[in-house]
Amino acid sequence: MKYKAMFAGSLFGCIMLALFLISFTKTYTNTKAINKKVVTDVAARPVVIGYVGGYRGNIHTDSINAARLTHINYAFIDIKDNRAWLHNKSDDNNLKKLTELKTKNPGLKILISIGGWTWSKHFSDAVLTDTARKNFAKSAVDIVEKYKLDGIDIDWEYPAMIGDSNVYRPEDKEHYTQMFKELRDGLDNLAKTTHVKYFVTLAAGASQEFLEHSEMNKVQQYVDYINLMTYDFTDVADTVAIHHTNLYVSPGAPKQRSADLAVQWFEAAGVPAAKLVVGIAFYGHAIEMRSTDNNGLYRKAAKRVPVGGFTYINDSLVNKRGYTRFWDKDAHAPYLFNTERKIFISYDDEESVKDKCEYVLQHKLGGVMFWEYFNDKKEYLLKTINETIKK
């Protein structure tokens, strides 16, 4: 009886242990599956990156709707003596104020964007040697650390090309890649102390020429997102009026660039779709035409003329003051034309932005970004982005 009791007790214990293990395994597996789903869902959520210009002076951060953004790229940080440099006196205050927006959106990420069209002149010198690259990267990481930011965006316009009368060299192509490695290494080292996830991103020219002067298949290893500047497709030297931020190519201009083509080119160059971010223009391009033929579209241009951001265009020009809105169904792009003044205006509006966002979702891209936040103070386009991208 003693041994039978011992055996029965052991058997009961084994059964209970087995049931516990089965239950634990099932719970662990379910928890793991749930956690995996959460991570996947978060990772798949498209980003909304807004470039916020600090070049105007002090930023009124109270007018920034932080809840509608995932990332803010502060534009721009200059380069001086081959180091990242806060050019404006207002930069210090602006960066501090931007980080305060996290009280409204704890998930918001703030990055410094180095360069831009005007301040890309000295990138080539800053990354010319191993020592120079390390020092440049350290100077950028130091800014991130000082202001408790979330990463670095590089807007070199453009490696191995003259841009705005830049210093440039053929070696820029390789040095561009190596610069991103140094930035990634520097932020990873900082993360060992702060335990913060840091981002490295870049603004890329949406052209084959940009791809010819860079190694995007290598660069993409070190960056989280590649912001395609899918705007400014018109050029000062253009003699024909074309869309400046169209989603697709129209049969009327078969040699024109487009957001769709840029995505295809970058994917073919080795960039994963999930790292590609499509650019949206919060501003327009205006051109005085030589005639009223075809409402200006794809016809001979006379000269560029100034125009404002989208809030101004929408409130003051769309179907007002002699301007009529047209829609190019092939390019998925709006445009305005004033017959009396012969003014053609290309821009993004709610309809084209919605199409771009749906394109991002359809092709499982990283998200959207836009230039520049304060060009649409009433947030017409940002609202459309959020309504579409968060479906």
Protein backbone atom coordinates (compact mmCIF):
# COMPACT_ATOMS: atom_id res chain seq x y z
CA MET A 1 0.00 0.00 0.00
CA LYS A 2 2.87 2.32 0.83
CA TYR A 3 4.45 1.86 -2.59
CA LYS A 4 1.05 2.02 -4.33
CA ALA A 5 0.36 5.30 -2.55
CA MET A 6 3.79 6.60 -3.49
CA PHE A 7 3.26 5.49 -7.08
CA ALA A 8 -0.20 7.06 -7.19
CA GLY A 9 1.17 10.28 -5.75
CA SER A 10 4.01 10.33 -8.26
CA LEU A 11 1.63 9.58 -11.11
CA PHE A 12 -0.69 12.39 -10.01
CA GLY A 13 2.27 14.78 -9.76
CA CYS A 14 3.47 13.83 -13.23
CA ILE A 15 -0.01 14.35 -14.67
CA MET A 16 -0.30 17.76 -13.01
CA LEU A 17 3.19 18.72 -14.21
CA ALA A 18 2.29 17.64 -17.74
CA LEU A 19 -0.94 19.63 -17.67
CA PHE A 20 0.97 22.66 -16.38
CA LEU A 21 3.59 22.36 -19.11
CA ILE A 22 0.92 22.02 -21.80
CA SER A 23 -0.93 25.05 -20.45
CA PHE A 24 2.29 27.06 -20.14
CA THR A 25 3.43 26.12 -23.63
CA LYS A 26 0.06 27.05 -25.10
CA THR A 27 -0.01 30.37 -23.23
CA TYR A 28 3.58 31.17 -24.20
CA THR A 29 2.92 30.27 -27.81
CA ASN A 30 -0.21 32.42 -27.93
CA THR A 31 1.55 35.29 -26.20
CA LYS A 32 4.47 35.01 -28.60
CA ALA A 33 2.07 34.95 -31.54
CA ILE A 34 0.21 37.99 -30.21
CA ASN A 35 3.46 39.86 -29.61
CA LYS A 36 4.67 38.93 -33.07
CA LYS A 37 1.44 40.25 -34.56
CA VAL A 38 1.77 43.51 -32.62
CA VAL A 39 5.34 43.97 -33.80
CA THR A 40 4.34 43.16 -37.37
CA ASP A 41 1.40 45.57 -37.25
CA VAL A 42 3.56 48.38 -35.86
CA ALA A 43 6.32 47.71 -38.37
CA ALA A 44 3.83 47.72 -41.23
CA ARG A 45 2.24 51.02 -40.20
CA PRO A 46 3.26 53.69 -42.75
CA VAL A 47 5.26 56.64 -41.49
CA VAL A 48 4.26 60.27 -41.93
CA ILE A 49 7.43 62.35 -42.05
CA GLY A 50 7.16 66.12 -42.07
CA TYR A 51 10.05 68.42 -42.88
CA VAL A 52 9.85 71.46 -40.61
CA GLY A 53 11.89 74.44 -41.74
CA GLY A 54 13.96 76.19 -39.10
CA TYR A 55 15.55 78.58 -41.59
CA ARG A 56 12.76 81.12 -41.01
CA GLY A 57 13.77 81.66 -37.39
CA ASN A 58 11.89 80.60 -34.27
CA ILE A 59 9.32 77.87 -34.93
CA HIS A 60 5.88 78.23 -33.39
CA THR A 61 5.59 74.63 -32.31
CA ASP A 62 2.09 75.21 -30.92
CA SER A 63 0.89 75.27 -34.52
CA ILE A 64 2.36 71.82 -35.28
CA ASN A 65 -0.16 68.99 -35.02
CA ALA A 66 2.16 66.38 -33.50
CA ALA A 67 -0.55 63.73 -33.36
CA ARG A 68 -0.64 63.58 -37.17
CA LEU A 69 3.08 62.92 -37.57
CA THR A 70 5.40 60.01 -36.85
CA HIS A 71 8.64 61.88 -37.60
CA ILE A 72 9.76 65.49 -37.85
CA ASN A 73 12.91 66.23 -39.84
CA TYR A 74 14.29 69.59 -38.73
CA ALA A 75 15.62 71.44 -41.76
CA PHE A 76 18.37 72.29 -41.95
CA ILE A 77 21.66 71.75 -40.17
CA ASP A 78 24.62 73.30 -41.99
CA ILE A 79 28.20 72.05 -42.44
CA LYS A 80 31.13 74.17 -41.25
CA ASP A 81 34.78 73.09 -41.06
CA ASN A 82 33.61 69.60 -42.08
CA ARG A 83 31.32 69.32 -39.05
CA ALA A 84 27.56 69.42 -38.60
CA TRP A 85 26.83 72.95 -37.42
CA LEU A 86 23.85 74.86 -36.05
CA HIS A 87 23.90 77.78 -38.46
CA ASN A 88 21.05 79.86 -37.03
CA LYS A 89 20.77 81.28 -33.54
CA SER A 90 17.20 79.96 -33.44
CA ASP A 91 18.28 76.33 -33.95
CA ASP A 92 18.98 75.75 -30.27
CA ASN A 93 15.55 76.98 -29.20
CA ASN A 94 13.79 75.23 -32.09
CA LEU A 95 15.25 71.82 -31.29
CA LYS A 96 14.33 72.14 -27.63
CA LYS A 97 10.78 73.20 -28.48
CA LEU A 98 10.33 70.39 -31.00
CA THR A 99 11.24 67.74 -28.43
CA GLU A 100 8.51 69.15 -26.17
CA LEU A 101 5.97 68.00 -28.77
CA LYS A 102 6.50 64.48 -27.45
CA THR A 103 4.24 65.37 -24.55
CA LYS A 104 1.44 65.49 -27.14
CA ASN A 105 2.67 62.46 -29.09
CA PRO A 106 5.07 60.23 -27.11
CA GLY A 107 5.83 58.19 -30.23
CA LEU A 108 6.96 61.20 -32.24
CA LYS A 109 10.56 61.07 -33.51
CA ILE A 110 12.64 64.22 -34.02
CA LEU A 111 15.59 64.10 -36.44
CA ILE A 112 18.04 66.72 -37.64
CA SER A 113 18.25 67.02 -41.41
CA ILE A 114 21.72 68.02 -42.59
CA GLY A 115 22.23 69.78 -45.91
CA GLY A 116 19.44 70.80 -48.24
CA TRP A 117 19.86 72.49 -51.61
CA THR A 118 21.81 75.48 -50.27
CA TRP A 119 23.87 73.79 -47.54
CA SER A 120 25.14 70.76 -49.45
CA LYS A 121 28.20 72.63 -50.70
CA HIS A 122 30.70 71.04 -48.29
CA PHE A 123 29.51 67.45 -47.95
CA SER A 124 32.21 66.21 -50.32
CA ASP A 125 34.98 67.71 -48.16
CA ALA A 126 33.35 66.56 -44.91
CA VAL A 127 33.41 62.88 -45.95
CA LEU A 128 36.57 62.86 -48.08
CA THR A 129 38.71 60.67 -45.79
CA ASP A 130 38.15 58.05 -43.09
CA THR A 131 39.10 60.58 -40.41
CA ALA A 132 36.88 63.28 -41.88
CA ARG A 133 33.90 60.93 -42.05
CA LYS A 134 34.34 59.81 -38.44
CA ASN A 135 34.60 63.41 -37.24
CA PHE A 136 31.61 64.51 -39.29
CA ALA A 137 29.50 61.61 -38.02
CA LYS A 138 30.54 62.30 -34.44
CA SER A 139 29.56 65.96 -34.74
CA ALA A 140 26.09 64.94 -35.97
CA VAL A 141 25.68 62.32 -33.25
CA ASP A 142 26.76 64.86 -30.64
CA ILE A 143 23.86 67.12 -31.67
CA VAL A 144 21.46 64.19 -31.36
CA GLU A 145 22.79 63.39 -27.90
CA LYS A 146 22.79 67.00 -26.68
CA TYR A 147 19.16 67.68 -27.62
CA LYS A 148 17.88 64.16 -26.89
CA LEU A 149 16.79 63.66 -30.50
CA ASP A 150 15.98 60.47 -32.38
CA GLY A 151 18.28 60.45 -35.36
CA ILE A 152 19.87 61.98 -38.42
CA ASP A 153 18.52 62.69 -41.90
CA ILE A 154 20.97 63.43 -44.71
CA ASP A 155 19.84 65.71 -47.53
CA TRP A 156 22.95 65.84 -49.73
CA GLU A 157 21.90 67.42 -53.01
CA TYR A 158 23.72 65.61 -54.57
CA PRO A 159 26.74 63.28 -54.25
CA ALA A 160 29.12 63.48 -57.22
CA MET A 161 26.96 66.23 -58.80
CA ILE A 162 27.34 69.99 -58.80
CA GLY A 163 23.95 70.83 -57.30
CA ASP A 164 23.99 74.45 -56.11
CA SER A 165 27.61 75.12 -57.11
CA ASN A 166 28.80 72.41 -54.73
CA VAL A 167 32.24 70.96 -54.25
CA TYR A 168 31.92 67.50 -55.78
CA ARG A 169 34.10 64.55 -56.74
CA PRO A 170 33.64 61.18 -58.47
CA GLU A 171 34.64 59.55 -55.16
CA ASP A 172 31.51 60.98 -53.54
CA LYS A 173 29.68 57.89 -54.73
CA GLU A 174 31.63 55.56 -52.42
CA HIS A 175 32.07 58.15 -49.67
CA TYR A 176 28.30 58.63 -49.55
CA THR A 177 27.89 54.98 -48.58
CA GLN A 178 30.71 55.10 -46.05
CA MET A 179 29.24 58.23 -44.45
CA PHE A 180 26.01 56.37 -43.69
CA LYS A 181 27.96 53.51 -42.15
CA GLU A 182 29.73 55.95 -39.82
CA LEU A 183 26.44 57.60 -38.86
CA ARG A 184 24.82 54.22 -38.19
CA ASP A 185 27.80 53.06 -36.11
CA GLY A 186 27.86 56.30 -34.16
CA LEU A 187 24.17 56.17 -33.27
CA ASP A 188 24.37 52.47 -32.42
CA ASN A 189 27.18 53.22 -29.99
CA LEU A 190 25.13 56.02 -28.43
CA ALA A 191 22.19 53.61 -28.08
CA LYS A 192 24.29 51.35 -25.86
CA THR A 193 24.17 54.08 -23.24
CA THR A 194 20.76 55.64 -23.83
CA HIS A 195 18.88 52.48 -24.90
CA VAL A 196 17.05 54.55 -27.52
CA LYS A 197 16.20 53.39 -31.04
CA TYR A 198 17.87 55.89 -33.38
CA PHE A 199 16.96 56.52 -37.01
CA VAL A 200 19.12 57.21 -40.02
CA THR A 201 17.25 58.49 -43.06
CA LEU A 202 18.03 60.33 -46.27
CA ALA A 203 16.35 62.53 -48.85
CA ALA A 204 17.02 61.13 -52.31
CA GLY A 205 16.69 62.68 -55.73
CA ALA A 206 13.91 60.85 -57.55
CA SER A 207 15.96 60.32 -60.68
CA GLN A 208 18.12 57.78 -62.44
CA GLU A 209 20.96 60.30 -62.34
CA PHE A 210 20.91 60.19 -58.53
CA LEU A 211 21.05 56.39 -58.63
CA GLU A 212 24.00 56.48 -61.03
CA HIS A 213 25.94 58.60 -58.54
CA SER A 214 25.16 56.54 -55.44
CA GLU A 215 25.22 52.92 -54.24
CA MET A 216 21.71 52.57 -52.94
CA ASN A 217 21.94 48.79 -52.65
CA LYS A 218 24.67 49.37 -50.06
CA VAL A 219 23.35 52.57 -48.51
CA GLN A 220 19.99 50.96 -47.72
CA GLN A 221 21.71 48.62 -45.24
CA TYR A 222 22.44 51.55 -42.93
CA VAL A 223 19.23 53.58 -43.20
CA ASP A 224 15.69 53.14 -41.95
CA TYR A 225 13.94 55.18 -44.64
CA ILE A 226 14.76 56.72 -47.99
CA ASN A 227 12.64 59.82 -48.57
CA LEU A 228 12.06 60.13 -52.31
CA MET A 229 11.87 63.76 -53.35
CA THR A 230 9.09 63.06 -55.81
CA TYR A 231 8.51 66.73 -56.55
CA ASP A 232 10.29 69.54 -58.40
CA PHE A 233 10.07 67.45 -61.56
CA THR A 234 9.90 70.75 -63.41
CA ASP A 235 13.18 72.57 -63.82
CA VAL A 236 14.12 76.23 -64.13
CA ALA A 237 15.60 75.43 -67.53
CA ASP A 238 12.49 73.60 -68.77
CA THR A 239 10.94 75.06 -71.88
CA VAL A 240 7.71 73.09 -71.49
CA ALA A 241 5.23 73.18 -68.59
CA ILE A 242 4.93 69.78 -66.93
CA HIS A 243 3.63 68.49 -63.60
CA HIS A 244 6.07 68.93 -60.74
CA THR A 245 4.81 66.18 -58.40
CA ASN A 246 2.80 63.69 -60.45
CA LEU A 247 2.19 60.09 -59.39
CA TYR A 248 2.31 58.59 -62.89
CA VAL A 249 3.69 59.49 -66.29
CA SER A 250 1.14 60.90 -68.73
CA PRO A 251 1.15 59.96 -72.43
CA GLY A 252 1.43 63.69 -73.09
CA ALA A 253 4.97 63.72 -71.63
CA PRO A 254 6.41 60.19 -71.97
CA LYS A 255 9.90 61.29 -70.86
CA GLN A 256 8.65 62.88 -67.65
CA ARG A 257 9.57 61.53 -64.23
CA SER A 258 6.99 60.38 -61.70
CA ALA A 259 6.66 59.00 -58.19
CA ASP A 260 5.77 55.59 -59.58
CA LEU A 261 8.86 55.50 -61.78
CA ALA A 262 11.07 56.57 -58.86
CA VAL A 263 9.75 53.71 -56.74
CA GLN A 264 10.43 51.25 -59.55
CA TRP A 265 13.96 52.59 -60.10
CA PHE A 266 14.92 52.45 -56.43
CA GLU A 267 13.51 48.94 -55.98
CA ALA A 268 15.48 47.81 -59.05
CA ALA A 269 18.58 49.38 -57.46
CA GLY A 270 18.17 47.11 -54.42
CA VAL A 271 16.13 49.17 -51.96
CA PRO A 272 13.37 47.24 -50.14
CA ALA A 273 9.89 48.65 -50.71
CA ALA A 274 9.34 49.02 -46.95
CA LYS A 275 12.17 51.59 -46.78
CA LEU A 276 10.84 53.79 -49.58
CA VAL A 277 8.89 56.90 -48.59
CA VAL A 278 6.99 58.86 -51.24
CA GLY A 279 7.31 62.64 -51.23
CA ILE A 280 4.35 65.03 -51.28
CA ALA A 281 4.61 68.73 -52.20
CA PHE A 282 2.89 71.20 -49.89
CA TYR A 283 3.63 73.97 -52.43
CA GLY A 284 3.18 74.72 -56.12
CA HIS A 285 5.19 75.65 -59.19
CA ALA A 286 3.88 78.45 -61.40
CA ILE A 287 4.87 79.14 -64.99
CA GLU A 288 3.92 81.93 -67.35
CA MET A 289 3.07 80.34 -70.70
CA ARG A 290 3.57 81.52 -74.27
CA SER A 291 0.01 80.65 -75.26
CA THR A 292 -3.30 79.40 -73.85
CA ASP A 293 -3.16 76.18 -75.85
CA ASN A 294 -4.13 73.02 -73.88
CA ASN A 295 -4.50 75.16 -70.76
CA GLY A 296 -0.74 75.33 -70.58
CA LEU A 297 -0.07 71.65 -69.94
CA TYR A 298 2.85 70.30 -71.99
CA ARG A 299 3.11 73.54 -73.95
CA LYS A 300 5.95 76.06 -74.34
CA ALA A 301 6.80 78.02 -71.22
CA ALA A 302 7.98 81.61 -71.02
CA LYS A 303 9.27 81.97 -67.45
CA ARG A 304 8.81 80.87 -63.86
CA VAL A 305 6.70 83.04 -61.57
CA PRO A 306 6.24 82.84 -57.78
CA VAL A 307 3.35 81.07 -56.07
CA GLY A 308 2.66 80.10 -52.46
CA GLY A 309 1.99 76.96 -50.47
CA PHE A 310 -1.11 74.82 -50.65
CA THR A 311 -3.20 76.72 -48.10
CA TYR A 312 -2.79 79.87 -50.19
CA ILE A 313 -3.38 78.04 -53.47
CA ASN A 314 -6.49 76.30 -52.17
CA ASP A 315 -8.05 79.30 -50.45
CA SER A 316 -7.10 82.02 -52.93
CA LEU A 317 -6.62 80.51 -56.38
CA VAL A 318 -8.53 77.25 -56.97
CA ASN A 319 -11.46 78.27 -59.20
CA LYS A 320 -10.97 81.87 -58.11
CA ARG A 321 -9.43 85.03 -59.61
CA GLY A 322 -9.46 83.60 -63.12
CA TYR A 323 -7.81 80.28 -62.21
CA THR A 324 -9.56 77.06 -63.19
CA ARG A 325 -8.67 73.67 -61.73
CA PHE A 326 -8.04 70.75 -64.08
CA TRP A 327 -7.26 67.10 -63.38
CA ASP A 328 -4.85 64.97 -65.41
CA LYS A 329 -6.36 61.50 -64.98
CA ASP A 330 -3.27 59.81 -66.45
CA ALA A 331 -0.73 61.56 -64.25
CA HIS A 332 -3.09 61.67 -61.23
CA ALA A 333 -2.18 65.33 -60.84
CA PRO A 334 -4.12 68.60 -60.57
CA TYR A 335 -3.19 71.89 -62.20
CA LEU A 336 -4.56 75.40 -62.48
CA PHE A 337 -4.66 77.67 -65.49
CA ASN A 338 -5.42 81.35 -65.79
CA THR A 339 -6.31 82.05 -69.43
CA GLU A 340 -6.08 85.83 -69.17
CA ARG A 341 -2.68 85.83 -67.47
CA LYS A 342 -1.46 82.61 -69.15
CA ILE A 343 -0.31 81.23 -65.78
CA PHE A 344 0.01 77.46 -65.28
CA ILE A 345 0.32 76.10 -61.72
CA SER A 346 1.27 72.54 -60.81
CA TYR A 347 0.75 71.31 -57.23
CA ASP A 348 -0.54 68.52 -54.96
CA ASP A 349 -4.08 68.69 -53.59
CA GLU A 350 -6.35 66.44 -51.53
CA GLU A 351 -7.18 64.23 -54.51
CA SER A 352 -3.59 63.64 -55.64
CA VAL A 353 -2.41 63.18 -52.04
CA LYS A 354 -5.09 60.57 -51.43
CA ASP A 355 -3.94 58.73 -54.56
CA LYS A 356 -0.31 58.81 -53.40
CA CYS A 357 -1.24 57.47 -49.97
CA GLU A 358 -3.30 54.67 -51.49
CA TYR A 359 -0.35 53.89 -53.76
CA VAL A 360 1.87 53.56 -50.67
CA LEU A 361 -0.59 51.17 -49.05
CA GLN A 362 -1.05 49.13 -52.23
CA HIS A 363 2.70 48.71 -52.79
CA LYS A 364 3.51 48.23 -49.09
CA LEU A 365 5.95 51.15 -49.04
CA GLY A 366 7.39 52.77 -45.94
CA GLY A 367 5.07 55.76 -45.92
CA VAL A 368 4.95 59.38 -47.04
CA MET A 369 6.89 62.54 -46.31
CA PHE A 370 6.30 66.13 -47.29
CA TRP A 371 8.02 69.45 -47.79
CA GLU A 372 7.25 71.66 -45.94
CA TYR A 373 4.98 71.76 -42.91
CA PHE A 374 4.15 75.48 -42.81
CA ASN A 375 3.27 75.66 -46.51
CA ASP A 376 -0.12 74.23 -45.55
CA LYS A 377 -0.91 75.93 -42.25
CA LYS A 378 -4.55 74.84 -42.32
CA GLU A 379 -3.45 71.20 -42.65
CA TYR A 380 -5.69 70.37 -45.59
CA LEU A 381 -3.16 67.89 -46.96
CA LEU A 382 -1.95 66.53 -43.62
CA LYS A 383 -5.54 65.73 -42.71
CA THR A 384 -5.97 63.86 -46.00
CA ILE A 385 -2.74 61.94 -45.39
CA ASN A 386 -3.92 60.80 -41.97
CA GLU A 387 -7.40 59.89 -43.13
CA THR A 388 -6.00 57.76 -45.96
CA ILE A 389 -2.82 56.28 -44.55
CA LYS A 390 -4.45 55.08 -41.32
CA LYS A 391 -7.29 53.12 -42.96
